[in-house]
Amino acid sequence: MSHSIPIEVDAIFVGAAVRQERDVRFIATDLRVAEMDQTFWPTAEDVLRAAKQMMNTGRIPNFDPPSIED
């Protein structure tokens, strides 16, 4: 069973970090962080830090979102 962690930036729910075997997958629910949707991170804290930065600046330095393949 997966365990999810709500990710909020300035009291706005922007998505959830879902624990996987070794890392967490971010599932975005807010369009302002949609570029981060389905990305993997070492910890939920890393997801939160990145989401805050994206909400505040519109980008994350050195962030290369995964390609979505059919």
Protein backbone atom coordinates (compact mmCIF):
# COMPACT_ATOMS: atom_id res chain seq x y z
CA MET A 1 0.00 0.00 0.00
CA SER A 2 1.28 3.46 -0.87
CA HIS A 3 1.53 6.24 1.66
CA SER A 4 0.96 9.80 0.46
CA ILE A 5 2.12 13.06 1.97
CA PRO A 6 0.16 16.23 1.17
CA ILE A 7 2.32 19.00 -0.29
CA GLU A 8 1.16 22.53 0.56
CA VAL A 9 2.77 25.84 -0.33
CA ASP A 10 1.51 28.87 1.59
CA ALA A 11 -1.56 26.89 2.71
CA ILE A 12 -2.36 25.89 -0.91
CA PHE A 13 -2.57 22.15 -1.61
CA VAL A 14 -0.46 21.65 -4.75
CA GLY A 15 -0.17 17.86 -4.82
CA ALA A 16 0.95 14.74 -3.01
CA ALA A 17 4.22 12.92 -2.58
CA VAL A 18 3.59 9.18 -2.81
CA ARG A 19 6.19 6.91 -1.24
CA GLN A 20 7.69 4.35 -3.57
CA GLU A 21 10.39 1.78 -2.75
CA ARG A 22 13.38 4.13 -2.65
CA ASP A 23 11.94 7.57 -3.32
CA VAL A 24 8.73 9.55 -3.68
CA ARG A 25 6.67 10.38 -6.74
CA PHE A 26 5.05 13.80 -6.91
CA ILE A 27 1.48 13.98 -8.19
CA ALA A 28 0.57 17.59 -8.96
CA THR A 29 -2.94 18.94 -8.47
CA ASP A 30 -2.18 22.62 -9.11
CA LEU A 31 -1.41 23.90 -12.61
CA ARG A 32 1.40 26.09 -11.27
CA VAL A 33 3.43 22.97 -10.46
CA ALA A 34 2.11 20.76 -13.28
CA GLU A 35 5.59 20.61 -14.80
CA MET A 36 6.65 18.58 -11.75
CA ASP A 37 3.82 16.03 -12.11
CA GLN A 38 4.95 12.37 -12.00
CA THR A 39 8.55 13.25 -11.10
CA PHE A 40 10.61 11.28 -8.58
CA TRP A 41 12.46 12.84 -5.65
CA PRO A 42 14.63 11.46 -2.84
CA THR A 43 12.34 12.77 -0.08
CA ALA A 44 9.04 14.58 0.42
CA GLU A 45 11.05 17.51 1.80
CA ASP A 46 12.80 17.78 -1.58
CA VAL A 47 9.40 17.86 -3.30
CA LEU A 48 8.18 20.58 -0.95
CA ARG A 49 11.31 22.68 -1.48
CA ALA A 50 11.00 22.38 -5.27
CA ALA A 51 7.26 23.13 -5.24
CA LYS A 52 7.84 26.24 -3.14
CA GLN A 53 10.48 27.44 -5.54
CA MET A 54 8.27 26.76 -8.57
CA MET A 55 5.32 28.56 -6.98
CA ASN A 56 7.47 31.56 -6.07
CA THR A 57 9.64 31.88 -9.19
CA GLY A 58 7.91 29.82 -11.88
CA ARG A 59 10.92 27.57 -12.33
CA ILE A 60 13.39 25.25 -10.63
CA PRO A 61 17.09 25.63 -11.50
CA ASN A 62 18.59 22.52 -13.12
CA PHE A 63 15.17 20.86 -13.32
CA ASP A 64 14.73 18.53 -16.27
CA PRO A 65 11.18 17.19 -16.23
CA PRO A 66 10.68 13.64 -17.48
CA SER A 67 9.42 13.10 -20.98
CA ILE A 68 5.96 11.63 -21.21
CA GLU A 69 5.86 8.66 -23.55
CA ASP A 70 2.73 7.00 -24.82
